[in-house]
Amino acid sequence: MHSHVKSLYRGRSKYDKPTAQRYEEQRQVAKHAAEMRLIDRAFAHIPRTHRVLDAPCGGGRVTAHLAGKGYAVSGVDLSQAMLDIARANLSAQKLSCTVEQQDLEHLTLANRSFDTVISFRLFHHFPEPRIRQRVIGELCRVAEHYVVLSYFSPASVTSLRRRLRELRGGRKSEKHSTSLKEIDIYFQLAGFRLVKDFARLPLLHTLHLALFERVDAGPT
């Protein structure tokens, strides 16, 4: 049973209407294309017949991309401003994907209600292990087969630069790197195993995408 204690960290509340709009407007075309190619590498392992949950969906770019590939995709996000942008973007592309407001730490979705769950560019917002484990537990609970999770690797040039800056008394980053070893422990506890870890250039780019699959019978 969930305690429903709300975590307090910047990423939980930062996407108000102005911030959400700014985030959408500042999207870099080349960066977006590279990130979608990374997602495609992971989804090469996932059947097109799968029902997919995009959590969080943000402005709907992953939702739209996967829907365009033939997946049945739904999106959830905590930010109402982001949901409004997602609905507008999906409508403009004539995609009939459902999006709704949900808290990833306490999803109200049924156990194993989606075949695959993807969580892209969220995990680096979590400052504490207890939050990371709670969210992974929820993603795994609603996934029947696979969870695809992006995270920031500590073994990258960007992460090392951030740590050096902090050690020198500079601004502390709100982007938290997490080792794959730590993440793998949380997934094992939820009955999942690592299939493959993806990155554009592992030591250069901090963004990684890990594919996990269910190995236990799990609750139904």
N, C-alpha and C. Protein backbone atom coordinates (compact mmCIF):
# COMPACT_ATOMS: atom_id res chain seq x y z
N MET A 1 0.86 -1.20 0.00
CA MET A 1 0.00 0.00 0.00
C MET A 1 0.89 1.25 0.00
N HIS A 2 0.49 2.23 -0.80
CA HIS A 2 1.28 3.45 -0.89
C HIS A 2 1.05 4.35 0.33
N SER A 3 2.12 5.01 0.75
CA SER A 3 1.98 5.99 1.82
C SER A 3 1.46 7.31 1.28
N HIS A 4 1.65 7.53 -0.03
CA HIS A 4 1.21 8.76 -0.71
C HIS A 4 1.81 10.01 -0.09
N VAL A 5 3.02 9.88 0.47
CA VAL A 5 3.76 11.04 0.92
C VAL A 5 4.36 11.71 -0.31
N LYS A 6 4.11 12.98 -0.50
CA LYS A 6 4.60 13.67 -1.69
C LYS A 6 6.07 14.04 -1.53
N SER A 7 6.87 13.69 -2.54
CA SER A 7 8.27 14.06 -2.55
C SER A 7 8.40 15.53 -2.93
N LEU A 8 9.44 16.15 -2.42
CA LEU A 8 9.69 17.55 -2.74
C LEU A 8 11.02 17.67 -3.47
N TYR A 9 10.98 18.04 -4.72
CA TYR A 9 12.18 18.31 -5.51
C TYR A 9 11.76 19.19 -6.69
N ARG A 10 12.72 19.90 -7.22
CA ARG A 10 12.44 20.93 -8.22
C ARG A 10 11.72 20.40 -9.46
N GLY A 11 12.14 19.23 -9.94
CA GLY A 11 11.56 18.70 -11.16
C GLY A 11 10.09 18.36 -11.04
N ARG A 12 9.60 18.22 -9.81
CA ARG A 12 8.20 17.85 -9.59
C ARG A 12 7.25 19.00 -9.91
N SER A 13 7.73 20.22 -9.73
CA SER A 13 6.84 21.37 -9.87
C SER A 13 7.31 22.41 -10.89
N LYS A 14 8.43 22.15 -11.57
CA LYS A 14 9.02 23.19 -12.42
C LYS A 14 8.23 23.45 -13.70
N TYR A 15 7.46 22.48 -14.18
CA TYR A 15 6.81 22.65 -15.48
C TYR A 15 5.43 23.29 -15.36
N ASP A 16 5.45 24.57 -14.93
CA ASP A 16 4.23 25.37 -14.97
C ASP A 16 4.04 25.81 -16.42
N LYS A 17 3.03 26.61 -16.69
CA LYS A 17 2.71 26.95 -18.08
C LYS A 17 3.86 27.67 -18.80
N PRO A 18 4.49 28.71 -18.22
CA PRO A 18 5.60 29.37 -18.92
C PRO A 18 6.80 28.45 -19.15
N THR A 19 7.14 27.65 -18.15
CA THR A 19 8.30 26.75 -18.27
C THR A 19 8.02 25.66 -19.30
N ALA A 20 6.81 25.11 -19.28
CA ALA A 20 6.45 24.07 -20.24
C ALA A 20 6.50 24.61 -21.67
N GLN A 21 5.99 25.82 -21.87
CA GLN A 21 6.01 26.42 -23.20
C GLN A 21 7.44 26.70 -23.67
N ARG A 22 8.27 27.18 -22.76
CA ARG A 22 9.66 27.46 -23.09
C ARG A 22 10.40 26.17 -23.44
N TYR A 23 10.14 25.11 -22.69
CA TYR A 23 10.76 23.82 -22.95
C TYR A 23 10.39 23.33 -24.35
N GLU A 24 9.14 23.50 -24.71
CA GLU A 24 8.66 23.06 -26.02
C GLU A 24 9.29 23.89 -27.14
N GLU A 25 9.38 25.18 -26.95
CA GLU A 25 9.91 26.08 -27.99
C GLU A 25 11.41 25.92 -28.19
N GLN A 26 12.13 25.50 -27.14
CA GLN A 26 13.58 25.39 -27.24
C GLN A 26 14.06 24.02 -27.72
N ARG A 27 13.14 23.17 -28.11
CA ARG A 27 13.52 21.84 -28.59
C ARG A 27 14.44 21.96 -29.80
N GLN A 28 15.54 21.24 -29.76
CA GLN A 28 16.50 21.26 -30.86
C GLN A 28 16.20 20.11 -31.82
N VAL A 29 16.04 20.44 -33.10
CA VAL A 29 15.63 19.46 -34.10
C VAL A 29 16.62 18.31 -34.19
N ALA A 30 17.92 18.62 -34.27
CA ALA A 30 18.93 17.58 -34.40
C ALA A 30 18.98 16.69 -33.16
N LYS A 31 18.89 17.31 -31.98
CA LYS A 31 18.90 16.56 -30.74
C LYS A 31 17.68 15.65 -30.63
N HIS A 32 16.52 16.18 -31.01
CA HIS A 32 15.29 15.40 -30.99
C HIS A 32 15.43 14.17 -31.90
N ALA A 33 15.94 14.37 -33.10
CA ALA A 33 16.09 13.26 -34.05
C ALA A 33 17.03 12.19 -33.50
N ALA A 34 18.13 12.62 -32.87
CA ALA A 34 19.08 11.67 -32.29
C ALA A 34 18.44 10.88 -31.15
N GLU A 35 17.63 11.55 -30.34
CA GLU A 35 16.97 10.87 -29.22
C GLU A 35 15.92 9.88 -29.72
N MET A 36 15.21 10.22 -30.78
CA MET A 36 14.22 9.30 -31.34
C MET A 36 14.91 8.08 -31.95
N ARG A 37 16.09 8.27 -32.53
CA ARG A 37 16.85 7.12 -33.05
C ARG A 37 17.27 6.20 -31.91
N LEU A 38 17.61 6.78 -30.78
CA LEU A 38 17.97 5.98 -29.60
C LEU A 38 16.77 5.16 -29.14
N ILE A 39 15.61 5.78 -29.11
CA ILE A 39 14.38 5.08 -28.73
C ILE A 39 14.08 3.96 -29.73
N ASP A 40 14.28 4.23 -31.01
CA ASP A 40 14.03 3.20 -32.03
C ASP A 40 14.91 1.98 -31.83
N ARG A 41 16.14 2.18 -31.37
CA ARG A 41 17.04 1.05 -31.12
C ARG A 41 16.48 0.15 -30.02
N ALA A 42 15.94 0.75 -28.98
CA ALA A 42 15.34 -0.04 -27.91
C ALA A 42 14.05 -0.72 -28.38
N PHE A 43 13.23 0.01 -29.12
CA PHE A 43 11.93 -0.51 -29.53
C PHE A 43 12.03 -1.51 -30.68
N ALA A 44 13.22 -1.70 -31.22
CA ALA A 44 13.42 -2.77 -32.19
C ALA A 44 13.19 -4.13 -31.54
N HIS A 45 13.26 -4.18 -30.19
CA HIS A 45 13.04 -5.41 -29.43
C HIS A 45 11.58 -5.59 -29.02
N ILE A 46 10.73 -4.61 -29.32
CA ILE A 46 9.36 -4.60 -28.79
C ILE A 46 8.36 -4.72 -29.93
N PRO A 47 7.45 -5.70 -29.88
CA PRO A 47 6.47 -5.90 -30.95
C PRO A 47 5.58 -4.68 -31.18
N ARG A 48 5.24 -4.43 -32.43
CA ARG A 48 4.38 -3.29 -32.78
C ARG A 48 2.96 -3.46 -32.24
N THR A 49 2.61 -4.66 -31.83
CA THR A 49 1.27 -4.92 -31.29
C THR A 49 1.13 -4.47 -29.83
N HIS A 50 2.23 -4.04 -29.21
CA HIS A 50 2.19 -3.69 -27.79
C HIS A 50 1.45 -2.38 -27.52
N ARG A 51 0.71 -2.39 -26.42
CA ARG A 51 0.12 -1.17 -25.88
C ARG A 51 1.20 -0.49 -25.04
N VAL A 52 1.49 0.77 -25.35
CA VAL A 52 2.63 1.46 -24.74
C VAL A 52 2.15 2.65 -23.91
N LEU A 53 2.73 2.78 -22.72
CA LEU A 53 2.49 3.95 -21.88
C LEU A 53 3.74 4.83 -21.90
N ASP A 54 3.56 6.10 -22.26
CA ASP A 54 4.64 7.09 -22.24
C ASP A 54 4.50 7.89 -20.96
N ALA A 55 5.43 7.65 -20.02
CA ALA A 55 5.30 8.22 -18.67
C ALA A 55 6.62 8.78 -18.18
N PRO A 56 6.76 10.09 -18.16
CA PRO A 56 5.79 11.13 -18.49
C PRO A 56 5.85 11.46 -19.98
N CYS A 57 4.73 11.94 -20.50
CA CYS A 57 4.66 12.22 -21.93
C CYS A 57 5.15 13.61 -22.29
N GLY A 58 5.28 14.51 -21.29
CA GLY A 58 5.71 15.87 -21.61
C GLY A 58 4.83 16.49 -22.69
N GLY A 59 5.48 17.06 -23.70
CA GLY A 59 4.74 17.66 -24.81
C GLY A 59 4.27 16.68 -25.87
N GLY A 60 4.49 15.39 -25.63
CA GLY A 60 3.95 14.36 -26.51
C GLY A 60 4.87 13.90 -27.62
N ARG A 61 6.13 14.29 -27.58
CA ARG A 61 7.00 13.95 -28.72
C ARG A 61 7.29 12.46 -28.82
N VAL A 62 7.51 11.76 -27.70
CA VAL A 62 7.71 10.32 -27.74
C VAL A 62 6.40 9.61 -28.07
N THR A 63 5.33 10.08 -27.48
CA THR A 63 4.00 9.53 -27.77
C THR A 63 3.73 9.57 -29.26
N ALA A 64 3.94 10.73 -29.88
CA ALA A 64 3.69 10.89 -31.31
C ALA A 64 4.63 10.03 -32.15
N HIS A 65 5.89 9.98 -31.75
CA HIS A 65 6.88 9.21 -32.50
C HIS A 65 6.51 7.73 -32.53
N LEU A 66 6.16 7.17 -31.37
CA LEU A 66 5.83 5.75 -31.30
C LEU A 66 4.48 5.46 -31.96
N ALA A 67 3.54 6.37 -31.82
CA ALA A 67 2.25 6.20 -32.50
C ALA A 67 2.46 6.18 -34.02
N GLY A 68 3.38 7.01 -34.50
CA GLY A 68 3.70 7.03 -35.92
C GLY A 68 4.33 5.74 -36.40
N LYS A 69 4.93 4.98 -35.47
CA LYS A 69 5.52 3.69 -35.79
C LYS A 69 4.51 2.55 -35.75
N GLY A 70 3.29 2.86 -35.31
CA GLY A 70 2.24 1.86 -35.29
C GLY A 70 1.85 1.33 -33.93
N TYR A 71 2.50 1.84 -32.87
CA TYR A 71 2.14 1.40 -31.52
C TYR A 71 0.87 2.11 -31.05
N ALA A 72 0.10 1.42 -30.20
CA ALA A 72 -1.04 2.04 -29.52
C ALA A 72 -0.49 2.69 -28.25
N VAL A 73 -0.42 4.03 -28.23
CA VAL A 73 0.28 4.74 -27.16
C VAL A 73 -0.67 5.62 -26.36
N SER A 74 -0.51 5.60 -25.05
CA SER A 74 -1.17 6.53 -24.15
C SER A 74 -0.09 7.28 -23.38
N GLY A 75 -0.42 8.49 -22.93
CA GLY A 75 0.55 9.29 -22.20
C GLY A 75 0.02 9.75 -20.86
N VAL A 76 0.91 9.89 -19.90
CA VAL A 76 0.55 10.47 -18.60
C VAL A 76 1.63 11.47 -18.21
N ASP A 77 1.22 12.50 -17.46
CA ASP A 77 2.17 13.50 -16.98
C ASP A 77 1.58 14.18 -15.76
N LEU A 78 2.45 14.64 -14.87
CA LEU A 78 2.00 15.35 -13.68
C LEU A 78 1.63 16.80 -14.00
N SER A 79 2.30 17.39 -14.99
CA SER A 79 2.10 18.79 -15.33
C SER A 79 0.90 18.99 -16.25
N GLN A 80 -0.08 19.75 -15.80
CA GLN A 80 -1.24 20.05 -16.63
C GLN A 80 -0.84 20.87 -17.85
N ALA A 81 0.14 21.77 -17.66
CA ALA A 81 0.61 22.58 -18.78
C ALA A 81 1.21 21.71 -19.88
N MET A 82 2.00 20.69 -19.49
CA MET A 82 2.57 19.77 -20.46
C MET A 82 1.48 18.94 -21.15
N LEU A 83 0.48 18.54 -20.41
CA LEU A 83 -0.62 17.78 -21.00
C LEU A 83 -1.37 18.60 -22.05
N ASP A 84 -1.54 19.89 -21.78
CA ASP A 84 -2.21 20.77 -22.76
C ASP A 84 -1.40 20.85 -24.04
N ILE A 85 -0.07 20.96 -23.91
CA ILE A 85 0.80 21.00 -25.09
C ILE A 85 0.76 19.67 -25.83
N ALA A 86 0.80 18.57 -25.09
CA ALA A 86 0.75 17.24 -25.71
C ALA A 86 -0.53 17.06 -26.50
N ARG A 87 -1.65 17.43 -25.92
CA ARG A 87 -2.93 17.27 -26.61
C ARG A 87 -2.96 18.09 -27.90
N ALA A 88 -2.43 19.32 -27.83
CA ALA A 88 -2.39 20.17 -29.01
C ALA A 88 -1.49 19.58 -30.09
N ASN A 89 -0.32 19.09 -29.70
CA ASN A 89 0.62 18.50 -30.67
C ASN A 89 0.06 17.23 -31.30
N LEU A 90 -0.56 16.39 -30.50
CA LEU A 90 -1.12 15.15 -31.01
C LEU A 90 -2.30 15.42 -31.94
N SER A 91 -3.10 16.39 -31.57
CA SER A 91 -4.23 16.77 -32.41
C SER A 91 -3.76 17.32 -33.76
N ALA A 92 -2.71 18.14 -33.72
CA ALA A 92 -2.16 18.72 -34.96
C ALA A 92 -1.64 17.64 -35.89
N GLN A 93 -1.18 16.52 -35.31
CA GLN A 93 -0.66 15.41 -36.12
C GLN A 93 -1.74 14.36 -36.40
N LYS A 94 -2.98 14.70 -36.00
CA LYS A 94 -4.12 13.81 -36.23
C LYS A 94 -3.92 12.43 -35.60
N LEU A 95 -3.37 12.44 -34.38
CA LEU A 95 -3.16 11.21 -33.62
C LEU A 95 -4.15 11.17 -32.46
N SER A 96 -4.80 10.05 -32.28
CA SER A 96 -5.85 9.95 -31.26
C SER A 96 -5.36 9.26 -29.99
N CYS A 97 -4.18 9.64 -29.52
CA CYS A 97 -3.62 9.07 -28.30
C CYS A 97 -4.25 9.73 -27.07
N THR A 98 -4.57 8.93 -26.08
CA THR A 98 -5.12 9.44 -24.82
C THR A 98 -3.99 9.90 -23.91
N VAL A 99 -4.14 11.08 -23.32
CA VAL A 99 -3.19 11.54 -22.30
C VAL A 99 -3.98 11.98 -21.07
N GLU A 100 -3.43 11.71 -19.90
CA GLU A 100 -4.12 12.07 -18.67
C GLU A 100 -3.12 12.42 -17.58
N GLN A 101 -3.61 13.10 -16.55
CA GLN A 101 -2.75 13.52 -15.45
C GLN A 101 -2.55 12.38 -14.47
N GLN A 102 -1.28 12.08 -14.19
CA GLN A 102 -0.93 11.03 -13.23
C GLN A 102 0.36 11.42 -12.52
N ASP A 103 0.50 10.95 -11.30
CA ASP A 103 1.72 11.10 -10.51
C ASP A 103 2.48 9.79 -10.61
N LEU A 104 3.67 9.80 -11.19
CA LEU A 104 4.41 8.56 -11.40
C LEU A 104 4.84 7.88 -10.11
N GLU A 105 4.86 8.62 -9.02
CA GLU A 105 5.18 7.98 -7.75
C GLU A 105 3.99 7.20 -7.19
N HIS A 106 2.80 7.55 -7.66
CA HIS A 106 1.58 6.91 -7.16
C HIS A 106 0.58 6.79 -8.31
N LEU A 107 0.87 5.95 -9.29
CA LEU A 107 -0.03 5.78 -10.43
C LEU A 107 -1.34 5.13 -9.99
N THR A 108 -2.43 5.58 -10.59
CA THR A 108 -3.73 4.96 -10.29
C THR A 108 -4.10 3.90 -11.33
N LEU A 109 -3.16 3.57 -12.21
CA LEU A 109 -3.39 2.58 -13.25
C LEU A 109 -3.33 1.17 -12.68
N ALA A 110 -4.06 0.25 -13.32
CA ALA A 110 -4.11 -1.13 -12.85
C ALA A 110 -2.80 -1.86 -13.10
N ASN A 111 -2.56 -2.90 -12.33
CA ASN A 111 -1.38 -3.74 -12.52
C ASN A 111 -1.32 -4.28 -13.94
N ARG A 112 -0.16 -4.20 -14.56
CA ARG A 112 0.09 -4.80 -15.87
C ARG A 112 -0.93 -4.36 -16.92
N SER A 113 -1.30 -3.08 -16.87
CA SER A 113 -2.32 -2.56 -17.80
C SER A 113 -1.75 -2.15 -19.15
N PHE A 114 -0.41 -2.12 -19.28
CA PHE A 114 0.24 -1.84 -20.56
C PHE A 114 1.30 -2.91 -20.82
N ASP A 115 1.51 -3.21 -22.10
CA ASP A 115 2.54 -4.20 -22.45
C ASP A 115 3.93 -3.65 -22.18
N THR A 116 4.13 -2.40 -22.57
CA THR A 116 5.44 -1.74 -22.44
C THR A 116 5.25 -0.35 -21.86
N VAL A 117 6.15 0.06 -20.99
CA VAL A 117 6.16 1.42 -20.44
C VAL A 117 7.50 2.06 -20.79
N ILE A 118 7.46 3.30 -21.30
CA ILE A 118 8.68 4.05 -21.53
C ILE A 118 8.67 5.31 -20.66
N SER A 119 9.78 5.56 -20.01
CA SER A 119 9.96 6.77 -19.22
C SER A 119 11.21 7.46 -19.73
N PHE A 120 11.01 8.56 -20.45
CA PHE A 120 12.12 9.21 -21.15
C PHE A 120 12.38 10.62 -20.61
N ARG A 121 13.64 10.87 -20.26
CA ARG A 121 14.11 12.17 -19.77
C ARG A 121 13.35 12.63 -18.51
N LEU A 122 13.18 11.71 -17.59
CA LEU A 122 12.59 12.03 -16.29
C LEU A 122 13.53 11.70 -15.14
N PHE A 123 14.20 10.55 -15.23
CA PHE A 123 14.89 9.97 -14.09
C PHE A 123 15.96 10.89 -13.50
N HIS A 124 16.56 11.73 -14.33
CA HIS A 124 17.62 12.61 -13.84
C HIS A 124 17.10 13.72 -12.92
N HIS A 125 15.78 13.86 -12.83
CA HIS A 125 15.20 14.85 -11.91
C HIS A 125 15.19 14.36 -10.46
N PHE A 126 15.34 13.05 -10.25
CA PHE A 126 15.16 12.48 -8.91
C PHE A 126 16.44 12.58 -8.09
N PRO A 127 16.39 13.30 -6.97
CA PRO A 127 17.60 13.51 -6.16
C PRO A 127 17.91 12.40 -5.16
N GLU A 128 16.94 11.50 -4.92
CA GLU A 128 17.12 10.53 -3.83
C GLU A 128 16.80 9.11 -4.28
N PRO A 129 17.53 8.12 -3.74
CA PRO A 129 17.27 6.71 -4.07
C PRO A 129 15.84 6.26 -3.79
N ARG A 130 15.26 6.76 -2.70
CA ARG A 130 13.90 6.30 -2.35
C ARG A 130 12.88 6.70 -3.42
N ILE A 131 13.08 7.88 -4.02
CA ILE A 131 12.18 8.32 -5.10
C ILE A 131 12.41 7.49 -6.34
N ARG A 132 13.68 7.24 -6.66
CA ARG A 132 14.00 6.45 -7.84
C ARG A 132 13.42 5.04 -7.73
N GLN A 133 13.56 4.43 -6.57
CA GLN A 133 13.03 3.08 -6.40
C GLN A 133 11.49 3.07 -6.46
N ARG A 134 10.87 4.08 -5.87
CA ARG A 134 9.40 4.15 -5.87
C ARG A 134 8.86 4.26 -7.29
N VAL A 135 9.48 5.12 -8.10
CA VAL A 135 9.00 5.31 -9.47
C VAL A 135 9.22 4.05 -10.31
N ILE A 136 10.39 3.45 -10.19
CA ILE A 136 10.64 2.21 -10.93
C ILE A 136 9.65 1.13 -10.51
N GLY A 137 9.34 1.05 -9.23
CA GLY A 137 8.35 0.09 -8.76
C GLY A 137 6.99 0.30 -9.41
N GLU A 138 6.60 1.55 -9.57
CA GLU A 138 5.32 1.86 -10.20
C GLU A 138 5.33 1.56 -11.70
N LEU A 139 6.42 1.92 -12.37
CA LEU A 139 6.52 1.63 -13.81
C LEU A 139 6.46 0.12 -14.05
N CYS A 140 7.15 -0.63 -13.22
CA CYS A 140 7.14 -2.09 -13.36
C CYS A 140 5.78 -2.68 -13.02
N ARG A 141 5.12 -2.10 -12.06
CA ARG A 141 3.79 -2.62 -11.66
C ARG A 141 2.79 -2.57 -12.80
N VAL A 142 2.82 -1.51 -13.60
CA VAL A 142 1.82 -1.36 -14.67
C VAL A 142 2.29 -1.96 -16.00
N ALA A 143 3.53 -2.48 -16.05
CA ALA A 143 4.07 -3.06 -17.28
C ALA A 143 3.90 -4.57 -17.30
N GLU A 144 3.35 -5.09 -18.36
CA GLU A 144 3.19 -6.53 -18.52
C GLU A 144 4.50 -7.20 -18.95
N HIS A 145 5.24 -6.54 -19.85
CA HIS A 145 6.43 -7.18 -20.41
C HIS A 145 7.71 -6.36 -20.27
N TYR A 146 7.70 -5.09 -20.71
CA TYR A 146 8.93 -4.31 -20.80
C TYR A 146 8.80 -2.93 -20.14
N VAL A 147 9.93 -2.44 -19.64
CA VAL A 147 10.07 -1.04 -19.23
C VAL A 147 11.32 -0.50 -19.91
N VAL A 148 11.17 0.66 -20.56
CA VAL A 148 12.30 1.34 -21.21
C VAL A 148 12.53 2.63 -20.42
N LEU A 149 13.72 2.78 -19.85
CA LEU A 149 13.99 3.90 -18.94
C LEU A 149 15.25 4.65 -19.38
N SER A 150 15.12 5.97 -19.51
CA SER A 150 16.32 6.77 -19.78
C SER A 150 16.89 7.27 -18.46
N TYR A 151 18.22 7.43 -18.43
CA TYR A 151 18.88 7.93 -17.23
C TYR A 151 20.17 8.62 -17.64
N PHE A 152 20.73 9.40 -16.76
CA PHE A 152 22.00 10.08 -17.00
C PHE A 152 23.13 9.27 -16.36
N SER A 153 24.04 8.80 -17.17
CA SER A 153 25.15 7.99 -16.66
C SER A 153 26.19 8.87 -15.97
N PRO A 154 26.70 8.43 -14.81
CA PRO A 154 27.78 9.18 -14.14
C PRO A 154 29.11 9.03 -14.87
N ALA A 155 29.23 7.97 -15.71
CA ALA A 155 30.48 7.71 -16.44
C ALA A 155 30.44 8.37 -17.82
N SER A 156 30.32 9.69 -17.82
CA SER A 156 30.31 10.45 -19.08
C SER A 156 31.03 11.77 -18.86
N VAL A 157 31.46 12.37 -19.95
CA VAL A 157 32.17 13.65 -19.88
C VAL A 157 31.30 14.71 -19.21
N THR A 158 30.03 14.77 -19.62
CA THR A 158 29.12 15.79 -19.07
C THR A 158 28.94 15.63 -17.57
N SER A 159 28.72 14.39 -17.11
CA SER A 159 28.53 14.15 -15.68
C SER A 159 29.79 14.48 -14.88
N LEU A 160 30.94 14.14 -15.42
CA LEU A 160 32.19 14.45 -14.74
C LEU A 160 32.39 15.95 -14.62
N ARG A 161 32.06 16.69 -15.66
CA ARG A 161 32.17 18.15 -15.63
C ARG A 161 31.25 18.75 -14.58
N ARG A 162 30.06 18.21 -14.46
CA ARG A 162 29.11 18.71 -13.45
C ARG A 162 29.65 18.48 -12.05
N ARG A 163 30.21 17.29 -11.82
CA ARG A 163 30.74 16.98 -10.49
C ARG A 163 31.94 17.87 -10.15
N LEU A 164 32.81 18.10 -11.12
CA LEU A 164 33.97 18.96 -10.90
C LEU A 164 33.54 20.39 -10.58
N ARG A 165 32.53 20.88 -11.28
CA ARG A 165 32.03 22.23 -11.04
C ARG A 165 31.49 22.36 -9.61
N GLU A 166 30.76 21.33 -9.17
CA GLU A 166 30.21 21.35 -7.81
C GLU A 166 31.32 21.29 -6.76
N LEU A 167 32.34 20.46 -7.02
CA LEU A 167 33.46 20.34 -6.09
C LEU A 167 34.23 21.65 -5.96
N ARG A 168 34.22 22.44 -7.02
CA ARG A 168 34.91 23.74 -7.00
C ARG A 168 34.04 24.86 -6.44
N GLY A 169 32.87 24.47 -5.93
CA GLY A 169 31.98 25.46 -5.33
C GLY A 169 31.03 26.13 -6.29
N GLY A 170 30.92 25.58 -7.50
CA GLY A 170 30.02 26.14 -8.49
C GLY A 170 28.58 25.75 -8.26
N ARG A 171 27.73 26.16 -9.17
CA ARG A 171 26.29 25.89 -9.07
C ARG A 171 26.03 24.38 -9.06
N LYS A 172 25.19 23.95 -8.14
CA LYS A 172 24.84 22.54 -8.06
C LYS A 172 23.79 22.21 -9.10
N SER A 173 24.05 21.17 -9.86
CA SER A 173 23.14 20.80 -10.94
C SER A 173 21.86 20.17 -10.40
N GLU A 174 20.75 20.44 -11.08
CA GLU A 174 19.48 19.79 -10.77
C GLU A 174 19.34 18.48 -11.54
N LYS A 175 20.34 18.16 -12.37
CA LYS A 175 20.33 16.94 -13.16
C LYS A 175 21.20 15.90 -12.45
N HIS A 176 20.56 14.84 -11.98
CA HIS A 176 21.23 13.84 -11.16
C HIS A 176 21.56 12.60 -11.98
N SER A 177 22.83 12.22 -12.00
CA SER A 177 23.23 10.99 -12.69
C SER A 177 23.04 9.80 -11.75
N THR A 178 22.79 8.64 -12.35
CA THR A 178 22.55 7.41 -11.59
C THR A 178 23.24 6.26 -12.28
N SER A 179 23.90 5.42 -11.55
CA SER A 179 24.58 4.29 -12.18
C SER A 179 23.58 3.23 -12.62
N LEU A 180 23.94 2.53 -13.68
CA LEU A 180 23.10 1.43 -14.15
C LEU A 180 23.01 0.34 -13.09
N LYS A 181 24.06 0.17 -12.31
CA LYS A 181 24.06 -0.83 -11.24
C LYS A 181 22.96 -0.54 -10.22
N GLU A 182 22.83 0.73 -9.82
CA GLU A 182 21.77 1.10 -8.88
C GLU A 182 20.39 0.85 -9.48
N ILE A 183 20.21 1.29 -10.72
CA ILE A 183 18.92 1.12 -11.41
C ILE A 183 18.56 -0.36 -11.53
N ASP A 184 19.55 -1.17 -11.89
CA ASP A 184 19.33 -2.61 -12.08
C ASP A 184 18.83 -3.26 -10.78
N ILE A 185 19.33 -2.81 -9.64
CA ILE A 185 18.89 -3.36 -8.35
C ILE A 185 17.39 -3.12 -8.16
N TYR A 186 16.94 -1.90 -8.45
CA TYR A 186 15.51 -1.58 -8.29
C TYR A 186 14.64 -2.44 -9.21
N PHE A 187 15.11 -2.66 -10.44
CA PHE A 187 14.35 -3.49 -11.37
C PHE A 187 14.33 -4.95 -10.94
N GLN A 188 15.45 -5.44 -10.43
CA GLN A 188 15.48 -6.81 -9.94
C GLN A 188 14.48 -7.01 -8.81
N LEU A 189 14.41 -6.03 -7.92
CA LEU A 189 13.45 -6.11 -6.80
C LEU A 189 12.01 -6.14 -7.30
N ALA A 190 11.77 -5.55 -8.48
CA ALA A 190 10.43 -5.51 -9.06
C ALA A 190 10.18 -6.69 -10.00
N GLY A 191 11.16 -7.60 -10.12
CA GLY A 191 10.96 -8.79 -10.94
C GLY A 191 11.32 -8.61 -12.40
N PHE A 192 12.24 -7.69 -12.71
CA PHE A 192 12.66 -7.44 -14.09
C PHE A 192 14.16 -7.65 -14.23
N ARG A 193 14.60 -7.93 -15.45
CA ARG A 193 16.03 -8.08 -15.72
C ARG A 193 16.43 -7.17 -16.87
N LEU A 194 17.69 -6.77 -16.88
CA LEU A 194 18.22 -5.92 -17.94
C LEU A 194 18.39 -6.72 -19.22
N VAL A 195 17.85 -6.18 -20.31
CA VAL A 195 18.04 -6.78 -21.63
C VAL A 195 19.23 -6.13 -22.33
N LYS A 196 19.22 -4.79 -22.39
CA LYS A 196 20.32 -4.09 -23.05
C LYS A 196 20.31 -2.61 -22.66
N ASP A 197 21.50 -2.03 -22.64
CA ASP A 197 21.66 -0.61 -22.36
C ASP A 197 22.13 0.08 -23.63
N PHE A 198 21.48 1.19 -23.98
CA PHE A 198 21.77 1.89 -25.23
C PHE A 198 22.30 3.30 -24.94
N ALA A 199 23.21 3.75 -25.79
CA ALA A 199 23.70 5.13 -25.72
C ALA A 199 24.24 5.51 -27.10
N ARG A 200 24.17 6.80 -27.43
CA ARG A 200 24.73 7.25 -28.71
C ARG A 200 26.24 7.00 -28.72
N LEU A 201 26.96 7.59 -27.80
CA LEU A 201 28.39 7.33 -27.57
C LEU A 201 28.55 7.26 -26.05
N PRO A 202 28.70 6.06 -25.49
CA PRO A 202 28.60 5.85 -24.04
C PRO A 202 29.40 6.79 -23.16
N LEU A 203 30.65 7.06 -23.47
CA LEU A 203 31.46 7.90 -22.58
C LEU A 203 31.30 9.39 -22.86
N LEU A 204 30.79 9.72 -24.04
CA LEU A 204 30.63 11.12 -24.40
C LEU A 204 29.25 11.65 -24.01
N HIS A 205 28.21 10.91 -24.37
CA HIS A 205 26.85 11.36 -24.07
C HIS A 205 26.36 10.79 -22.75
N THR A 206 25.79 11.64 -21.94
CA THR A 206 25.32 11.22 -20.62
C THR A 206 24.00 10.47 -20.67
N LEU A 207 23.17 10.73 -21.72
CA LEU A 207 21.85 10.10 -21.81
C LEU A 207 21.97 8.65 -22.27
N HIS A 208 21.46 7.75 -21.44
CA HIS A 208 21.39 6.32 -21.78
C HIS A 208 19.93 5.88 -21.75
N LEU A 209 19.67 4.76 -22.41
CA LEU A 209 18.33 4.19 -22.45
C LEU A 209 18.45 2.70 -22.17
N ALA A 210 17.84 2.24 -21.08
CA ALA A 210 17.95 0.84 -20.68
C ALA A 210 16.63 0.12 -20.89
N LEU A 211 16.72 -1.08 -21.44
CA LEU A 211 15.54 -1.91 -21.70
C LEU A 211 15.52 -3.06 -20.69
N PHE A 212 14.40 -3.17 -19.96
CA PHE A 212 14.23 -4.22 -18.97
C PHE A 212 12.99 -5.05 -19.33
N GLU A 213 13.04 -6.35 -19.00
CA GLU A 213 11.86 -7.20 -19.24
C GLU A 213 11.47 -7.95 -17.97
N ARG A 214 10.18 -8.23 -17.88
CA ARG A 214 9.67 -8.94 -16.70
C ARG A 214 10.10 -10.41 -16.73
N VAL A 215 10.54 -10.90 -15.61
CA VAL A 215 10.93 -12.30 -15.50
C VAL A 215 10.13 -13.07 -14.45
N ASP A 216 9.37 -12.36 -13.63
CA ASP A 216 8.57 -13.06 -12.62
C ASP A 216 7.11 -13.10 -13.05
N ALA A 217 6.32 -13.90 -12.36
CA ALA A 217 4.91 -13.98 -12.68
C ALA A 217 4.22 -12.66 -12.34
N GLY A 218 4.60 -12.06 -11.21
CA GLY A 218 4.07 -10.75 -10.83
C GLY A 218 2.60 -10.78 -10.48
N PRO A 219 2.11 -9.69 -9.85
CA PRO A 219 0.67 -9.60 -9.51
C PRO A 219 -0.14 -9.31 -10.75
N THR A 220 -1.34 -9.82 -10.81
CA THR A 220 -2.23 -9.57 -11.94
C THR A 220 -3.41 -8.74 -11.50
